[in-house]
PDB file of all heavy atoms in Angstrom:
ATOM      1  N   LYS A   1     153.137 212.891  85.072  1.00  0.00           N
ATOM      2  CA  LYS A   1     153.791 211.689  84.545  1.00  0.00           C
ATOM      3  C   LYS A   1     153.673 210.500  85.498  1.00  0.00           C
ATOM      4  O   LYS A   1     154.341 209.503  85.315  1.00  0.00           O
ATOM      5  CB  LYS A   1     155.277 211.965  84.290  1.00  0.00           C
ATOM      6  CG  LYS A   1     155.516 213.151  83.381  1.00  0.00           C
ATOM      7  CD  LYS A   1     155.314 212.772  81.927  1.00  0.00           C
ATOM      8  CE  LYS A   1     155.808 213.882  81.020  1.00  0.00           C
ATOM      9  NZ  LYS A   1     154.723 214.487  80.232  1.00  0.00           N
ATOM     10  N   GLY A   2     152.836 210.615  86.535  1.00  0.00           N
ATOM     11  CA  GLY A   2     152.647 209.475  87.420  1.00  0.00           C
ATOM     12  C   GLY A   2     152.811 209.820  88.882  1.00  0.00           C
ATOM     13  O   GLY A   2     152.463 210.915  89.338  1.00  0.00           O
ATOM     14  N   LEU A   3     153.374 208.880  89.638  1.00  0.00           N
ATOM     15  CA  LEU A   3     153.419 208.989  91.095  1.00  0.00           C
ATOM     16  C   LEU A   3     154.233 210.177  91.591  1.00  0.00           C
ATOM     17  O   LEU A   3     153.903 210.777  92.614  1.00  0.00           O
ATOM     18  CB  LEU A   3     153.994 207.703  91.701  1.00  0.00           C
ATOM     19  CG  LEU A   3     153.023 206.535  91.903  1.00  0.00           C
ATOM     20  CD1 LEU A   3     153.759 205.365  92.534  1.00  0.00           C
ATOM     21  CD2 LEU A   3     151.847 206.949  92.760  1.00  0.00           C
ATOM     22  N   GLU A   4     155.300 210.526  90.891  1.00  0.00           N
ATOM     23  CA  GLU A   4     156.126 211.654  91.323  1.00  0.00           C
ATOM     24  C   GLU A   4     155.282 212.925  91.384  1.00  0.00           C
ATOM     25  O   GLU A   4     155.386 213.710  92.334  1.00  0.00           O
ATOM     26  CB  GLU A   4     157.306 211.845  90.365  1.00  0.00           C
ATOM     27  CG  GLU A   4     158.346 210.745  90.431  1.00  0.00           C
ATOM     28  CD  GLU A   4     159.432 211.034  91.442  1.00  0.00           C
ATOM     29  OE1 GLU A   4     159.469 212.160  91.972  1.00  0.00           O
ATOM     30  OE2 GLU A   4     160.236 210.129  91.707  1.00  0.00           O
ATOM     31  N   ASP A   5     154.443 213.135  90.388  1.00  0.00           N
ATOM     32  CA  ASP A   5     153.618 214.333  90.361  1.00  0.00           C
ATOM     33  C   ASP A   5     152.524 214.274  91.421  1.00  0.00           C
ATOM     34  O   ASP A   5     152.182 215.301  92.021  1.00  0.00           O
ATOM     35  CB  ASP A   5     152.999 214.511  88.975  1.00  0.00           C
ATOM     36  CG  ASP A   5     154.056 214.832  87.926  1.00  0.00           C
ATOM     37  OD1 ASP A   5     154.691 215.892  88.038  1.00  0.00           O
ATOM     38  OD2 ASP A   5     154.255 214.017  87.023  1.00  0.00           O
ATOM     39  N   CYS A   6     151.967 213.075  91.645  1.00  0.00           N
ATOM     40  CA  CYS A   6     151.012 212.913  92.749  1.00  0.00           C
ATOM     41  C   CYS A   6     151.669 213.307  94.066  1.00  0.00           C
ATOM     42  O   CYS A   6     151.086 214.032  94.880  1.00  0.00           O
ATOM     43  CB  CYS A   6     150.548 211.462  92.847  1.00  0.00           C
ATOM     44  SG  CYS A   6     149.517 210.890  91.505  1.00  0.00           S
ATOM     45  N   ALA A   7     152.876 212.817  94.274  1.00  0.00           N
ATOM     46  CA  ALA A   7     153.595 213.087  95.516  1.00  0.00           C
ATOM     47  C   ALA A   7     153.874 214.576  95.681  1.00  0.00           C
ATOM     48  O   ALA A   7     153.712 215.134  96.774  1.00  0.00           O
ATOM     49  CB  ALA A   7     154.907 212.301  95.538  1.00  0.00           C
ATOM     50  N   ASP A   8     154.281 215.241  94.603  1.00  0.00           N
ATOM     51  CA  ASP A   8     154.586 216.670  94.689  1.00  0.00           C
ATOM     52  C   ASP A   8     153.335 217.480  95.017  1.00  0.00           C
ATOM     53  O   ASP A   8     153.387 218.422  95.819  1.00  0.00           O
ATOM     54  CB  ASP A   8     155.190 217.157  93.367  1.00  0.00           C
ATOM     55  CG  ASP A   8     156.570 216.580  93.112  1.00  0.00           C
ATOM     56  OD1 ASP A   8     157.184 216.061  94.065  1.00  0.00           O
ATOM     57  OD2 ASP A   8     157.029 216.630  91.954  1.00  0.00           O
ATOM     58  N   TRP A   9     152.212 217.108  94.405  1.00  0.00           N
ATOM     59  CA  TRP A   9     150.968 217.828  94.677  1.00  0.00           C
ATOM     60  C   TRP A   9     150.517 217.609  96.120  1.00  0.00           C
ATOM     61  O   TRP A   9     150.115 218.562  96.804  1.00  0.00           O
ATOM     62  CB  TRP A   9     149.877 217.367  93.706  1.00  0.00           C
ATOM     63  CG  TRP A   9     148.554 218.025  93.942  1.00  0.00           C
ATOM     64  CD1 TRP A   9     148.197 219.302  93.601  1.00  0.00           C
ATOM     65  CD2 TRP A   9     147.416 217.454  94.597  1.00  0.00           C
ATOM     66  NE1 TRP A   9     146.905 219.560  93.998  1.00  0.00           N
ATOM     67  CE2 TRP A   9     146.404 218.440  94.611  1.00  0.00           C
ATOM     68  CE3 TRP A   9     147.157 216.203  95.156  1.00  0.00           C
ATOM     69  CZ2 TRP A   9     145.144 218.211  95.171  1.00  0.00           C
ATOM     70  CZ3 TRP A   9     145.912 215.968  95.724  1.00  0.00           C
ATOM     71  CH2 TRP A   9     144.921 216.971  95.718  1.00  0.00           C
ATOM     72  N   ILE A  10     150.612 216.378  96.606  1.00  0.00           N
ATOM     73  CA  ILE A  10     150.225 216.088  97.985  1.00  0.00           C
ATOM     74  C   ILE A  10     151.121 216.836  98.967  1.00  0.00           C
ATOM     75  O   ILE A  10     150.647 217.408  99.957  1.00  0.00           O
ATOM     76  CB  ILE A  10     150.267 214.572  98.244  1.00  0.00           C
ATOM     77  CG1 ILE A  10     149.118 213.881  97.499  1.00  0.00           C
ATOM     78  CG2 ILE A  10     150.192 214.271  99.741  1.00  0.00           C
ATOM     79  CD1 ILE A  10     149.181 212.368  97.518  1.00  0.00           C
ATOM     80  N   THR A  11     152.427 216.857  98.694  1.00  0.00           N
ATOM     81  CA  THR A  11     153.353 217.596  99.557  1.00  0.00           C
ATOM     82  C   THR A  11     152.962 219.060  99.643  1.00  0.00           C
ATOM     83  O   THR A  11     152.958 219.661 100.726  1.00  0.00           O
ATOM     84  CB  THR A  11     154.789 217.460  99.034  1.00  0.00           C
ATOM     85  OG1 THR A  11     155.181 216.079  99.067  1.00  0.00           O
ATOM     86  CG2 THR A  11     155.759 218.274  99.873  1.00  0.00           C
ATOM     87  N   GLN A  12     152.610 219.646  98.515  1.00  0.00           N
ATOM     88  CA  GLN A  12     152.189 221.048  98.488  1.00  0.00           C
ATOM     89  C   GLN A  12     150.934 221.256  99.333  1.00  0.00           C
ATOM     90  O   GLN A  12     150.840 222.214 100.104  1.00  0.00           O
ATOM     91  CB  GLN A  12     151.922 221.483  97.056  1.00  0.00           C
ATOM     92  CG  GLN A  12     151.445 222.919  96.926  1.00  0.00           C
ATOM     93  CD  GLN A  12     151.086 223.286  95.498  1.00  0.00           C
ATOM     94  OE1 GLN A  12     151.271 222.503  94.566  1.00  0.00           O
ATOM     95  NE2 GLN A  12     150.574 224.484  95.310  1.00  0.00           N
ATOM     96  N   GLN A  13     149.972 220.331  99.211  1.00  0.00           N
ATOM     97  CA  GLN A  13     148.723 220.461  99.980  1.00  0.00           C
ATOM     98  C   GLN A  13     148.977 220.337 101.478  1.00  0.00           C
ATOM     99  O   GLN A  13     148.369 221.051 102.289  1.00  0.00           O
ATOM    100  CB  GLN A  13     147.713 219.391  99.525  1.00  0.00           C
ATOM    101  CG  GLN A  13     147.361 219.418  98.057  1.00  0.00           C
ATOM    102  CD  GLN A  13     146.909 220.783  97.585  1.00  0.00           C
ATOM    103  OE1 GLN A  13     146.019 221.389  98.174  1.00  0.00           O
ATOM    104  NE2 GLN A  13     147.533 221.269  96.520  1.00  0.00           N
ATOM    105  N   VAL A  14     149.867 219.430 101.850  1.00  0.00           N
ATOM    106  CA  VAL A  14     150.188 219.263 103.270  1.00  0.00           C
ATOM    107  C   VAL A  14     150.838 220.530 103.818  1.00  0.00           C
ATOM    108  O   VAL A  14     150.469 221.023 104.895  1.00  0.00           O
ATOM    109  CB  VAL A  14     151.115 218.047 103.482  1.00  0.00           C
ATOM    110  CG1 VAL A  14     151.657 218.023 104.910  1.00  0.00           C
ATOM    111  CG2 VAL A  14     150.362 216.748 103.184  1.00  0.00           C
ATOM    112  N   LYS A  15     151.786 221.081 103.081  1.00  0.00           N
ATOM    113  CA  LYS A  15     152.486 222.272 103.556  1.00  0.00           C
ATOM    114  C   LYS A  15     151.554 223.474 103.645  1.00  0.00           C
ATOM    115  O   LYS A  15     151.620 224.257 104.602  1.00  0.00           O
ATOM    116  CB  LYS A  15     153.674 222.565 102.638  1.00  0.00           C
ATOM    117  CG  LYS A  15     154.789 221.537 102.760  1.00  0.00           C
ATOM    118  CD  LYS A  15     155.955 221.849 101.826  1.00  0.00           C
ATOM    119  CE  LYS A  15     157.083 220.833 102.023  1.00  0.00           C
ATOM    120  NZ  LYS A  15     158.222 221.073 101.093  1.00  0.00           N
ATOM    121  N   GLU A  16     150.658 223.621 102.677  1.00  0.00           N
ATOM    122  CA  GLU A  16     149.741 224.760 102.679  1.00  0.00           C
ATOM    123  C   GLU A  16     148.706 224.652 103.796  1.00  0.00           C
ATOM    124  O   GLU A  16     148.268 225.655 104.343  1.00  0.00           O
ATOM    125  CB  GLU A  16     149.038 224.876 101.327  1.00  0.00           C
ATOM    126  CG  GLU A  16     149.962 225.332 100.203  1.00  0.00           C
ATOM    127  CD  GLU A  16     149.253 225.403  98.861  1.00  0.00           C
ATOM    128  OE1 GLU A  16     148.047 225.057  98.789  1.00  0.00           O
ATOM    129  OE2 GLU A  16     149.905 225.818  97.880  1.00  0.00           O
ATOM    130  N   SER A  17     148.320 223.421 104.129  1.00  0.00           N
ATOM    131  CA  SER A  17     147.284 223.218 105.145  1.00  0.00           C
ATOM    132  C   SER A  17     147.839 223.157 106.561  1.00  0.00           C
ATOM    133  O   SER A  17     147.100 223.334 107.529  1.00  0.00           O
ATOM    134  CB  SER A  17     146.519 221.929 104.855  1.00  0.00           C
ATOM    135  OG  SER A  17     147.363 220.796 105.033  1.00  0.00           O
ATOM    136  N   GLY A  18     149.134 222.870 106.683  1.00  0.00           N
ATOM    137  CA  GLY A  18     149.726 222.677 108.004  1.00  0.00           C
ATOM    138  C   GLY A  18     149.344 221.360 108.634  1.00  0.00           C
ATOM    139  O   GLY A  18     149.465 221.186 109.849  1.00  0.00           O
ATOM    140  N   ALA A  19     148.887 220.401 107.832  1.00  0.00           N
ATOM    141  CA  ALA A  19     148.460 219.105 108.353  1.00  0.00           C
ATOM    142  C   ALA A  19     149.629 218.372 108.996  1.00  0.00           C
ATOM    143  O   ALA A  19     150.759 218.411 108.503  1.00  0.00           O
ATOM    144  CB  ALA A  19     147.861 218.257 107.234  1.00  0.00           C
ATOM    145  N   THR A  20     149.333 217.692 110.099  1.00  0.00           N
ATOM    146  CA  THR A  20     150.344 216.872 110.774  1.00  0.00           C
ATOM    147  C   THR A  20     150.127 215.389 110.515  1.00  0.00           C
ATOM    148  O   THR A  20     150.974 214.569 110.850  1.00  0.00           O
ATOM    149  CB  THR A  20     150.303 217.116 112.291  1.00  0.00           C
ATOM    150  OG1 THR A  20     148.978 216.841 112.783  1.00  0.00           O
ATOM    151  CG2 THR A  20     150.659 218.564 112.615  1.00  0.00           C
ATOM    152  N   MET A  21     148.967 215.059 109.917  1.00  0.00           N
ATOM    153  CA  MET A  21     148.647 213.678 109.579  1.00  0.00           C
ATOM    154  C   MET A  21     147.924 213.668 108.233  1.00  0.00           C
ATOM    155  O   MET A  21     147.336 214.670 107.827  1.00  0.00           O
ATOM    156  CB  MET A  21     147.760 213.044 110.658  1.00  0.00           C
ATOM    157  CG  MET A  21     148.448 212.864 111.991  1.00  0.00           C
ATOM    158  SD  MET A  21     147.319 212.298 113.297  1.00  0.00           S
ATOM    159  CE  MET A  21     146.535 213.849 113.737  1.00  0.00           C
ATOM    160  N   ALA A  22     147.975 212.511 107.566  1.00  0.00           N
ATOM    161  CA  ALA A  22     147.281 212.395 106.283  1.00  0.00           C
ATOM    162  C   ALA A  22     146.776 210.969 106.109  1.00  0.00           C
ATOM    163  O   ALA A  22     147.389 210.009 106.578  1.00  0.00           O
ATOM    164  CB  ALA A  22     148.205 212.770 105.134  1.00  0.00           C
ATOM    165  N   ILE A  23     145.631 210.871 105.439  1.00  0.00           N
ATOM    166  CA  ILE A  23     145.010 209.584 105.150  1.00  0.00           C
ATOM    167  C   ILE A  23     144.760 209.515 103.654  1.00  0.00           C
ATOM    168  O   ILE A  23     144.090 210.382 103.081  1.00  0.00           O
ATOM    169  CB  ILE A  23     143.679 209.421 105.918  1.00  0.00           C
ATOM    170  CG1 ILE A  23     143.929 209.507 107.419  1.00  0.00           C
ATOM    171  CG2 ILE A  23     143.003 208.102 105.542  1.00  0.00           C
ATOM    172  CD1 ILE A  23     142.662 209.454 108.264  1.00  0.00           C
ATOM    173  N   GLY A  24     145.330 208.512 102.999  1.00  0.00           N
ATOM    174  CA  GLY A  24     145.167 208.373 101.562  1.00  0.00           C
ATOM    175  C   GLY A  24     144.547 207.045 101.199  1.00  0.00           C
ATOM    176  O   GLY A  24     144.902 206.008 101.757  1.00  0.00           O
ATOM    177  N   HIS A  25     143.634 207.087 100.245  1.00  0.00           N
ATOM    178  CA  HIS A  25     142.961 205.883  99.768  1.00  0.00           C
ATOM    179  C   HIS A  25     143.498 205.524  98.398  1.00  0.00           C
ATOM    180  O   HIS A  25     143.585 206.379  97.509  1.00  0.00           O
ATOM    181  CB  HIS A  25     141.448 206.137  99.685  1.00  0.00           C
ATOM    182  CG  HIS A  25     140.668 205.045  99.037  1.00  0.00           C
ATOM    183  ND1 HIS A  25     139.952 205.228  97.874  1.00  0.00           N
ATOM    184  CD2 HIS A  25     140.501 203.746  99.378  1.00  0.00           C
ATOM    185  CE1 HIS A  25     139.365 204.094  97.534  1.00  0.00           C
ATOM    186  NE2 HIS A  25     139.680 203.176  98.425  1.00  0.00           N
ATOM    187  N   SER A  26     143.924 204.280  98.229  1.00  0.00           N
ATOM    188  CA  SER A  26     144.342 203.763  96.922  1.00  0.00           C
ATOM    189  C   SER A  26     145.435 204.649  96.319  1.00  0.00           C
ATOM    190  O   SER A  26     146.524 204.749  96.871  1.00  0.00           O
ATOM    191  CB  SER A  26     143.101 203.654  96.023  1.00  0.00           C
ATOM    192  OG  SER A  26     143.340 202.873  94.887  1.00  0.00           O
ATOM    193  N   LEU A  27     145.167 205.331  95.202  1.00  0.00           N
ATOM    194  CA  LEU A  27     146.165 206.211  94.601  1.00  0.00           C
ATOM    195  C   LEU A  27     146.611 207.297  95.570  1.00  0.00           C
ATOM    196  O   LEU A  27     147.796 207.665  95.610  1.00  0.00           O
ATOM    197  CB  LEU A  27     145.609 206.841  93.329  1.00  0.00           C
ATOM    198  CG  LEU A  27     146.512 207.860  92.634  1.00  0.00           C
ATOM    199  CD1 LEU A  27     147.785 207.208  92.128  1.00  0.00           C
ATOM    200  CD2 LEU A  27     145.764 208.549  91.497  1.00  0.00           C
ATOM    201  N   GLY A  28     145.682 207.794  96.378  1.00  0.00           N
ATOM    202  CA  GLY A  28     146.058 208.803  97.367  1.00  0.00           C
ATOM    203  C   GLY A  28     147.080 208.286  98.355  1.00  0.00           C
ATOM    204  O   GLY A  28     147.998 209.001  98.761  1.00  0.00           O
ATOM    205  N   GLY A  29     146.940 207.022  98.744  1.00  0.00           N
ATOM    206  CA  GLY A  29     147.914 206.412  99.637  1.00  0.00           C
ATOM    207  C   GLY A  29     149.271 206.233  98.978  1.00  0.00           C
ATOM    208  O   GLY A  29     150.318 206.459  99.591  1.00  0.00           O
ATOM    209  N   LEU A  30     149.252 205.827  97.721  1.00  0.00           N
ATOM    210  CA  LEU A  30     150.522 205.663  96.997  1.00  0.00           C
ATOM    211  C   LEU A  30     151.247 206.994  96.858  1.00  0.00           C
ATOM    212  O   LEU A  30     152.472 207.064  96.995  1.00  0.00           O
ATOM    213  CB  LEU A  30     150.258 205.056  95.616  1.00  0.00           C
ATOM    214  CG  LEU A  30     149.814 203.596  95.583  1.00  0.00           C
ATOM    215  CD1 LEU A  30     149.485 203.176  94.147  1.00  0.00           C
ATOM    216  CD2 LEU A  30     150.876 202.681  96.161  1.00  0.00           C
ATOM    217  N   GLY A  31     150.491 208.048  96.563  1.00  0.00           N
ATOM    218  CA  GLY A  31     151.108 209.369  96.468  1.00  0.00           C
ATOM    219  C   GLY A  31     151.733 209.802  97.785  1.00  0.00           C
ATOM    220  O   GLY A  31     152.825 210.389  97.801  1.00  0.00           O
ATOM    221  N   LEU A  32     151.045 209.520  98.884  1.00  0.00           N
ATOM    222  CA  LEU A  32     151.605 209.830 100.208  1.00  0.00           C
ATOM    223  C   LEU A  32     152.904 209.074 100.449  1.00  0.00           C
ATOM    224  O   LEU A  32     153.903 209.653 100.899  1.00  0.00           O
ATOM    225  CB  LEU A  32     150.596 209.461 101.293  1.00  0.00           C
ATOM    226  CG  LEU A  32     149.542 210.485 101.684  1.00  0.00           C
ATOM    227  CD1 LEU A  32     148.524 209.853 102.619  1.00  0.00           C
ATOM    228  CD2 LEU A  32     150.194 211.695 102.344  1.00  0.00           C
ATOM    229  N   LEU A  33     152.890 207.780 100.158  1.00  0.00           N
ATOM    230  CA  LEU A  33     154.089 206.971 100.367  1.00  0.00           C
ATOM    231  C   LEU A  33     155.253 207.475  99.521  1.00  0.00           C
ATOM    232  O   LEU A  33     156.399 207.524  99.993  1.00  0.00           O
ATOM    233  CB  LEU A  33     153.794 205.503 100.044  1.00  0.00           C
ATOM    234  CG  LEU A  33     152.796 204.790 100.955  1.00  0.00           C
ATOM    235  CD1 LEU A  33     152.505 203.390 100.424  1.00  0.00           C
ATOM    236  CD2 LEU A  33     153.320 204.710 102.393  1.00  0.00           C
ATOM    237  N   LYS A  34     154.967 207.843  98.293  1.00  0.00           N
ATOM    238  CA  LYS A  34     156.028 208.350  97.412  1.00  0.00           C
ATOM    239  C   LYS A  34     156.603 209.651  97.956  1.00  0.00           C
ATOM    240  O   LYS A  34     157.829 209.858  97.925  1.00  0.00           O
ATOM    241  CB  LYS A  34     155.484 208.554  95.994  1.00  0.00           C
ATOM    242  CG  LYS A  34     156.587 208.811  94.966  1.00  0.00           C
ATOM    243  CD  LYS A  34     157.466 207.586  94.820  1.00  0.00           C
ATOM    244  CE  LYS A  34     158.548 207.771  93.776  1.00  0.00           C
ATOM    245  NZ  LYS A  34     159.456 206.606  93.705  1.00  0.00           N
ATOM    246  N   ALA A  35     155.749 210.524  98.455  1.00  0.00           N
ATOM    247  CA  ALA A  35     156.219 211.794  99.005  1.00  0.00           C
ATOM    248  C   ALA A  35     157.106 211.569 100.223  1.00  0.00           C
ATOM    249  O   ALA A  35     158.128 212.234 100.405  1.00  0.00           O
ATOM    250  CB  ALA A  35     155.025 212.676  99.370  1.00  0.00           C
ATOM    251  N   ILE A  36     156.720 210.614 101.066  1.00  0.00           N
ATOM    252  CA  ILE A  36     157.531 210.293 102.249  1.00  0.00           C
ATOM    253  C   ILE A  36     158.858 209.676 101.831  1.00  0.00           C
ATOM    254  O   ILE A  36     159.924 210.029 102.351  1.00  0.00           O
ATOM    255  CB  ILE A  36     156.750 209.351 103.180  1.00  0.00           C
ATOM    256  CG1 ILE A  36     155.517 210.054 103.739  1.00  0.00           C
ATOM    257  CG2 ILE A  36     157.643 208.852 104.318  1.00  0.00           C
ATOM    258  CD1 ILE A  36     154.544 209.126 104.433  1.00  0.00           C
ATOM    259  N   GLU A  37     158.810 208.749 100.877  1.00  0.00           N
ATOM    260  CA  GLU A  37     160.032 208.097 100.414  1.00  0.00           C
ATOM    261  C   GLU A  37     161.025 209.114  99.849  1.00  0.00           C
ATOM    262  O   GLU A  37     162.241 209.013 100.070  1.00  0.00           O
ATOM    263  CB  GLU A  37     159.688 207.068  99.337  1.00  0.00           C
ATOM    264  CG  GLU A  37     160.901 206.344  98.771  1.00  0.00           C
ATOM    265  CD  GLU A  37     160.714 205.965  97.306  1.00  0.00           C
ATOM    266  OE1 GLU A  37     160.255 206.815  96.523  1.00  0.00           O
ATOM    267  OE2 GLU A  37     161.058 204.843  96.953  1.00  0.00           O
ATOM    268  N   LYS A  38     160.520 210.107  99.128  1.00  0.00           N
ATOM    269  CA  LYS A  38     161.392 211.131  98.532  1.00  0.00           C
ATOM    270  C   LYS A  38     162.029 212.026  99.585  1.00  0.00           C
ATOM    271  O   LYS A  38     163.001 212.737  99.292  1.00  0.00           O
ATOM    272  CB  LYS A  38     160.587 212.000  97.567  1.00  0.00           C
ATOM    273  CG  LYS A  38     160.145 211.290  96.298  1.00  0.00           C
ATOM    274  CD  LYS A  38     159.230 212.185  95.461  1.00  0.00           C
ATOM    275  CE  LYS A  38     159.972 213.427  94.978  1.00  0.00           C
ATOM    276  NZ  LYS A  38     159.084 214.305  94.166  1.00  0.00           N
ATOM    277  N   GLY A  39     161.488 212.019 100.805  1.00  0.00           N
ATOM    278  CA  GLY A  39     162.016 212.878 101.850  1.00  0.00           C
ATOM    279  C   GLY A  39     161.424 214.267 101.837  1.00  0.00           C
ATOM    280  O   GLY A  39     161.872 215.149 102.584  1.00  0.00           O
ATOM    281  N   ASP A  40     160.395 214.469 100.998  1.00  0.00           N
ATOM    282  CA  ASP A  40     159.793 215.797 100.883  1.00  0.00           C
ATOM    283  C   ASP A  40     158.747 216.052 101.953  1.00  0.00           C
ATOM    284  O   ASP A  40     158.351 217.197 102.178  1.00  0.00           O
ATOM    285  CB  ASP A  40     159.121 215.965  99.513  1.00  0.00           C
ATOM    286  CG  ASP A  40     160.121 215.915  98.366  1.00  0.00           C
ATOM    287  OD1 ASP A  40     161.314 216.165  98.622  1.00  0.00           O
ATOM    288  OD2 ASP A  40     159.704 215.628  97.229  1.00  0.00           O
TER     289      ASP A  40
END
């Protein structure tokens, strides 16, 4: 349904990978920002 789902998917990928940093382009960046804003 939009950015919330992007953020949830990105959060899952970060947790599964153990990444400590992330780089997002365009929509990828917006999804990252949304995930951070949500506190997830």
